[in-house]
Amino acid sequence: MFAINLPTDSIFLLTLSLRMAVTAAFVVSASIITERAGPVIGALVATLPVSAGPAYVFLALDHDAAFIAEGALASLPVNGATIFLVLVYVLLAQRHTLLISFVGAVLAWLMLAWLTRTVQWSLTSGLAVNALSFLICLPLLRRYLDVKMPPITRRWYDIPLRAALVASLVATVVSLSGWVGPQISGTIALFPVVSTSLMLILHPRIGGCATAAVLANAGFGLIGFGLAVAVLHVAALRFGSAIALTLALAAAVGWNLGLWRIGRRERNRAGEPVTPE
């Protein structure tokens, strides 16, 4: 048997590359499901923790439960910024190009995420800012929920672009977490990779209005995402990172399954087909 001794830098790069590849594959798979399932089911899939979840798993491998709990607390108000990103994009995409809609939405998110860093958050205040954000945004998004989805034709750069986006997020979070601390790590981990990748991929192919419908339907799913982050914060110190991450995932999945069942029941009552949207 021969032992292979790799330099510390090589081990870090190999580990980072593996993490980037695993997470990118996960997010790309989820976004493909989103495209094929239609705006309602697609939005529910898109609001599962398919980018933040793996980012937090990798943070948990490098840091203790206290780091994860503090990072989740910092992430909680950032979820409120994400629903405003959705709102800004949906409003701009009705009349403007991808560039204007995308840049406007991302700038809104960056500004609000920066503002969250100026406040010392508690669990109560984090939940309160989420509640206020959704009370403002969800009524404004309601009129943009229903749009007929045109057929989607794939282009050669679709998967590489999505993979590059999420891989960049993972690389940034893992590389910076050791010296920026849990609060900034928690903010970076919640950058809306799935939402922004859907904007970049879908808008040129199916138009702004149809893409906006997918994002608008994600509003209620983001409520469950915020609850999952709160669960992660509370459970990390009590049960450890592994159990906390499992409970957070269960909260997000359970919320979205509940939304799906409610929507299915309403369509049954209306006499609409309940096959995939």
Protein backbone atom coordinates (compact mmCIF):
# COMPACT_ATOMS: atom_id res chain seq x y z
CA MET A 1 0.00 0.00 0.00
CA PHE A 2 1.28 3.43 -0.89
CA ALA A 3 0.26 6.52 1.00
CA ILE A 4 -0.39 9.63 -1.05
CA ASN A 5 0.55 12.79 0.78
CA LEU A 6 -0.99 15.82 -0.83
CA PRO A 7 -0.13 19.40 0.14
CA THR A 8 -2.74 21.16 2.22
CA ASP A 9 -3.55 23.53 -0.65
CA SER A 10 -4.14 20.59 -3.00
CA ILE A 11 -6.48 18.92 -0.52
CA PHE A 12 -8.43 22.15 -0.14
CA LEU A 13 -8.74 22.60 -3.91
CA LEU A 14 -9.82 18.99 -4.43
CA THR A 15 -12.39 19.24 -1.66
CA LEU A 16 -13.65 22.58 -2.93
CA SER A 17 -13.95 21.22 -6.48
CA LEU A 18 -15.94 18.23 -5.26
CA ARG A 19 -18.28 20.44 -3.27
CA MET A 20 -18.81 22.74 -6.25
CA ALA A 21 -19.53 19.82 -8.57
CA VAL A 22 -21.98 18.09 -6.20
CA THR A 23 -23.93 21.27 -5.50
CA ALA A 24 -23.98 22.35 -9.14
CA ALA A 25 -25.38 18.96 -10.18
CA PHE A 26 -28.08 19.25 -7.51
CA VAL A 27 -29.18 22.74 -8.55
CA VAL A 28 -29.10 22.04 -12.27
CA SER A 29 -31.30 18.97 -11.75
CA ALA A 30 -33.77 21.00 -9.72
CA SER A 31 -33.93 23.79 -12.31
CA ILE A 32 -34.57 21.30 -15.13
CA ILE A 33 -37.50 19.91 -13.13
CA THR A 34 -38.71 23.49 -12.73
CA GLU A 35 -38.72 24.06 -16.49
CA ARG A 36 -40.61 20.85 -17.25
CA ALA A 37 -43.21 21.01 -14.48
CA GLY A 38 -44.74 24.42 -15.19
CA PRO A 39 -44.90 27.60 -13.08
CA VAL A 40 -46.67 26.23 -10.01
CA ILE A 41 -44.81 22.98 -9.40
CA GLY A 42 -41.66 24.54 -10.77
CA ALA A 43 -41.85 27.37 -8.26
CA LEU A 44 -42.28 24.92 -5.38
CA VAL A 45 -39.20 23.00 -6.50
CA ALA A 46 -37.24 26.21 -6.99
CA THR A 47 -37.93 27.37 -3.43
CA LEU A 48 -36.55 24.21 -1.85
CA PRO A 49 -33.08 24.77 -0.34
CA VAL A 50 -31.26 23.42 -3.39
CA SER A 51 -28.47 25.98 -3.25
CA ALA A 52 -28.46 27.27 0.34
CA GLY A 53 -28.90 23.73 1.69
CA PRO A 54 -25.68 22.31 0.22
CA ALA A 55 -23.86 25.53 1.11
CA TYR A 56 -24.87 25.07 4.75
CA VAL A 57 -23.96 21.38 4.68
CA PHE A 58 -20.45 22.28 3.60
CA LEU A 59 -20.26 25.04 6.19
CA ALA A 60 -21.27 22.48 8.83
CA LEU A 61 -18.38 20.27 7.78
CA ASP A 62 -15.94 23.09 8.48
CA HIS A 63 -17.53 24.83 11.47
CA ASP A 64 -19.31 24.03 14.72
CA ALA A 65 -23.02 24.23 15.52
CA ALA A 66 -22.70 27.73 17.00
CA PHE A 67 -21.37 29.01 13.66
CA ILE A 68 -24.28 27.41 11.81
CA ALA A 69 -26.84 28.83 14.27
CA GLU A 70 -25.44 32.34 13.96
CA GLY A 71 -25.20 32.06 10.18
CA ALA A 72 -28.84 30.95 9.97
CA LEU A 73 -29.89 33.91 12.09
CA ALA A 74 -28.12 36.20 9.64
CA SER A 75 -29.78 34.38 6.73
CA LEU A 76 -33.30 34.84 8.06
CA PRO A 77 -33.80 38.54 7.20
CA VAL A 78 -32.04 37.97 3.87
CA ASN A 79 -34.95 35.72 2.90
CA GLY A 80 -37.09 38.84 3.14
CA ALA A 81 -34.74 40.50 0.64
CA THR A 82 -35.27 37.60 -1.75
CA ILE A 83 -39.03 38.14 -2.02
CA PHE A 84 -38.30 41.75 -2.97
CA LEU A 85 -35.86 40.49 -5.63
CA VAL A 86 -38.75 38.43 -7.01
CA LEU A 87 -41.13 41.40 -6.93
CA VAL A 88 -38.70 43.76 -8.66
CA TYR A 89 -37.97 41.23 -11.38
CA VAL A 90 -41.64 40.39 -11.94
CA LEU A 91 -42.58 44.05 -12.31
CA LEU A 92 -39.68 44.93 -14.59
CA ALA A 93 -39.98 41.79 -16.74
CA GLN A 94 -43.46 42.73 -17.92
CA ARG A 95 -42.03 45.43 -20.20
CA HIS A 96 -38.26 45.37 -20.08
CA THR A 97 -35.38 43.28 -21.36
CA LEU A 98 -33.58 40.57 -19.43
CA LEU A 99 -30.65 42.87 -18.72
CA ILE A 100 -32.77 45.60 -17.12
CA SER A 101 -34.99 43.15 -15.22
CA PHE A 102 -32.13 41.00 -13.95
CA VAL A 103 -29.82 43.83 -12.96
CA GLY A 104 -32.64 45.73 -11.25
CA ALA A 105 -33.67 42.68 -9.23
CA VAL A 106 -30.12 41.77 -8.19
CA LEU A 107 -29.31 45.35 -7.21
CA ALA A 108 -32.44 45.45 -5.07
CA TRP A 109 -31.37 42.22 -3.35
CA LEU A 110 -27.82 43.46 -2.78
CA MET A 111 -29.03 46.72 -1.30
CA LEU A 112 -31.49 45.02 1.06
CA ALA A 113 -28.98 42.31 2.01
CA TRP A 114 -26.47 45.04 2.84
CA LEU A 115 -29.06 46.80 4.98
CA THR A 116 -29.64 43.61 6.97
CA ARG A 117 -25.98 43.76 8.03
CA THR A 118 -26.64 47.06 9.83
CA VAL A 119 -29.06 45.47 12.31
CA GLN A 120 -28.42 43.11 15.21
CA TRP A 121 -31.08 40.50 14.56
CA SER A 122 -32.92 38.21 16.93
CA LEU A 123 -35.11 35.31 15.95
CA THR A 124 -38.22 37.40 16.66
CA SER A 125 -37.10 40.39 14.62
CA GLY A 126 -35.95 38.14 11.77
CA LEU A 127 -39.34 36.45 11.60
CA ALA A 128 -41.07 39.84 11.85
CA VAL A 129 -39.17 41.31 8.89
CA ASN A 130 -40.02 38.20 6.87
CA ALA A 131 -43.70 38.55 7.74
CA LEU A 132 -43.69 42.24 6.77
CA SER A 133 -41.87 41.55 3.50
CA PHE A 134 -44.37 38.89 2.45
CA LEU A 135 -47.36 40.99 3.49
CA ILE A 136 -46.10 43.71 1.16
CA CYS A 137 -44.99 41.58 -1.79
CA LEU A 138 -47.45 38.69 -2.08
CA PRO A 139 -50.53 40.84 -2.84
CA LEU A 140 -48.54 42.70 -5.50
CA LEU A 141 -47.45 39.42 -7.10
CA ARG A 142 -50.94 37.89 -7.23
CA ARG A 143 -51.93 39.32 -10.62
CA TYR A 144 -48.84 37.82 -12.30
CA LEU A 145 -49.34 34.20 -11.22
CA ASP A 146 -51.19 32.77 -14.22
CA VAL A 147 -49.51 32.85 -17.62
CA LYS A 148 -49.60 30.22 -20.35
CA MET A 149 -46.17 28.65 -20.60
CA PRO A 150 -44.74 28.37 -24.13
CA PRO A 151 -42.64 25.33 -25.11
CA ILE A 152 -39.01 25.50 -24.03
CA THR A 153 -36.13 24.77 -26.38
CA ARG A 154 -32.82 24.02 -24.72
CA ARG A 155 -29.63 25.77 -25.74
CA TRP A 156 -26.11 24.45 -25.42
CA TYR A 157 -25.12 26.88 -22.66
CA ASP A 158 -28.10 26.24 -20.33
CA ILE A 159 -26.57 23.62 -18.08
CA PRO A 160 -23.03 25.10 -18.03
CA LEU A 161 -24.43 28.52 -17.06
CA ARG A 162 -26.51 27.16 -14.21
CA ALA A 163 -23.67 24.96 -13.01
CA ALA A 164 -21.26 27.91 -13.08
CA LEU A 165 -23.63 30.10 -11.05
CA VAL A 166 -24.10 27.66 -8.20
CA ALA A 167 -20.49 26.47 -8.24
CA SER A 168 -19.38 30.08 -7.85
CA LEU A 169 -21.68 30.48 -4.85
CA VAL A 170 -20.31 27.38 -3.14
CA ALA A 171 -16.72 28.41 -3.85
CA THR A 172 -17.37 31.87 -2.42
CA VAL A 173 -19.10 30.63 0.74
CA VAL A 174 -16.58 27.89 1.52
CA SER A 175 -13.52 30.01 0.73
CA LEU A 176 -14.63 33.10 2.62
CA SER A 177 -16.38 31.53 5.62
CA GLY A 178 -13.18 31.02 7.57
CA TRP A 179 -12.38 34.71 7.80
CA VAL A 180 -15.62 36.63 7.14
CA GLY A 181 -17.49 34.92 9.98
CA PRO A 182 -20.93 33.35 10.26
CA GLN A 183 -23.01 36.46 9.58
CA ILE A 184 -21.56 37.26 6.16
CA SER A 185 -21.40 33.54 5.36
CA GLY A 186 -25.10 33.28 6.15
CA THR A 187 -25.82 36.23 3.87
CA ILE A 188 -23.79 34.84 0.98
CA ALA A 189 -25.35 31.38 1.39
CA LEU A 190 -28.80 32.84 0.70
CA PHE A 191 -27.89 34.53 -2.56
CA PRO A 192 -30.82 33.43 -4.77
CA VAL A 193 -28.90 31.23 -7.21
CA VAL A 194 -31.93 29.28 -8.41
CA SER A 195 -34.09 32.36 -8.95
CA THR A 196 -31.40 34.26 -10.82
CA SER A 197 -30.45 31.26 -12.95
CA LEU A 198 -34.10 30.84 -13.93
CA MET A 199 -34.19 34.49 -14.95
CA LEU A 200 -31.09 34.13 -17.10
CA ILE A 201 -32.16 30.89 -18.73
CA LEU A 202 -35.93 31.29 -19.17
CA HIS A 203 -36.32 34.98 -19.99
CA PRO A 204 -34.62 34.85 -23.43
CA ARG A 205 -36.57 31.73 -24.43
CA ILE A 206 -40.10 32.12 -23.09
CA GLY A 207 -40.25 35.86 -22.47
CA GLY A 208 -40.39 38.06 -19.42
CA CYS A 209 -44.06 37.55 -18.57
CA ALA A 210 -43.87 33.75 -18.50
CA THR A 211 -40.61 33.79 -16.54
CA ALA A 212 -42.13 36.29 -14.14
CA ALA A 213 -45.03 33.87 -13.55
CA VAL A 214 -42.60 31.18 -12.41
CA LEU A 215 -40.93 33.59 -10.01
CA ALA A 216 -44.25 35.03 -8.79
CA ASN A 217 -45.48 31.54 -7.90
CA ALA A 218 -42.37 31.12 -5.77
CA GLY A 219 -43.58 33.69 -3.25
CA PHE A 220 -45.48 31.31 -1.00
CA GLY A 221 -42.69 28.76 -1.20
CA LEU A 222 -40.24 31.35 0.12
CA ILE A 223 -42.30 31.54 3.31
CA GLY A 224 -41.46 27.90 3.94
CA PHE A 225 -37.83 28.58 3.11
CA GLY A 226 -37.75 31.26 5.79
CA LEU A 227 -39.30 28.87 8.30
CA ALA A 228 -36.63 26.31 7.43
CA VAL A 229 -33.90 28.85 8.16
CA ALA A 230 -35.53 29.64 11.51
CA VAL A 231 -35.67 25.92 12.33
CA LEU A 232 -31.98 25.60 11.46
CA HIS A 233 -31.11 28.46 13.82
CA VAL A 234 -33.12 27.09 16.74
CA ALA A 235 -32.15 23.44 16.29
CA ALA A 236 -28.42 23.83 15.61
CA LEU A 237 -27.39 24.59 19.19
CA ARG A 238 -29.91 22.18 20.71
CA PHE A 239 -29.37 19.12 18.56
CA GLY A 240 -26.23 19.74 16.52
CA SER A 241 -25.75 20.70 12.91
CA ALA A 242 -26.66 17.35 11.32
CA ILE A 243 -30.05 17.06 12.99
CA ALA A 244 -30.72 20.77 12.52
CA LEU A 245 -30.05 20.57 8.77
CA THR A 246 -32.34 17.54 8.51
CA LEU A 247 -35.13 19.31 10.38
CA ALA A 248 -34.73 22.43 8.25
CA LEU A 249 -34.99 20.39 5.06
CA ALA A 250 -38.06 18.60 6.42
CA ALA A 251 -39.67 21.96 7.21
CA ALA A 252 -39.09 23.28 3.69
CA VAL A 253 -40.28 20.09 1.99
CA GLY A 254 -43.29 19.79 4.30
CA TRP A 255 -44.34 23.38 3.63
CA ASN A 256 -44.14 23.00 -0.12
CA LEU A 257 -45.97 19.67 -0.07
CA GLY A 258 -48.69 21.40 1.91
CA LEU A 259 -48.92 24.16 -0.70
CA TRP A 260 -49.10 21.54 -3.45
CA ARG A 261 -51.94 19.69 -1.71
CA ILE A 262 -53.87 22.90 -1.16
CA GLY A 263 -53.46 23.87 -4.82
CA ARG A 264 -54.49 20.41 -5.96
CA ARG A 265 -57.62 20.52 -3.77
CA GLU A 266 -58.58 23.94 -5.13
CA ARG A 267 -58.21 22.73 -8.72
CA ASN A 268 -60.35 19.70 -7.92
CA ARG A 269 -63.08 21.95 -6.56
CA ALA A 270 -62.88 24.13 -9.67
CA GLY A 271 -63.09 21.09 -11.94
CA GLU A 272 -59.67 21.77 -13.45
CA PRO A 273 -57.27 18.97 -14.45
CA VAL A 274 -54.79 17.99 -11.75
CA THR A 275 -52.15 16.55 -14.00
CA PRO A 276 -48.76 18.35 -13.90
CA GLU A 277 -49.14 22.07 -14.43
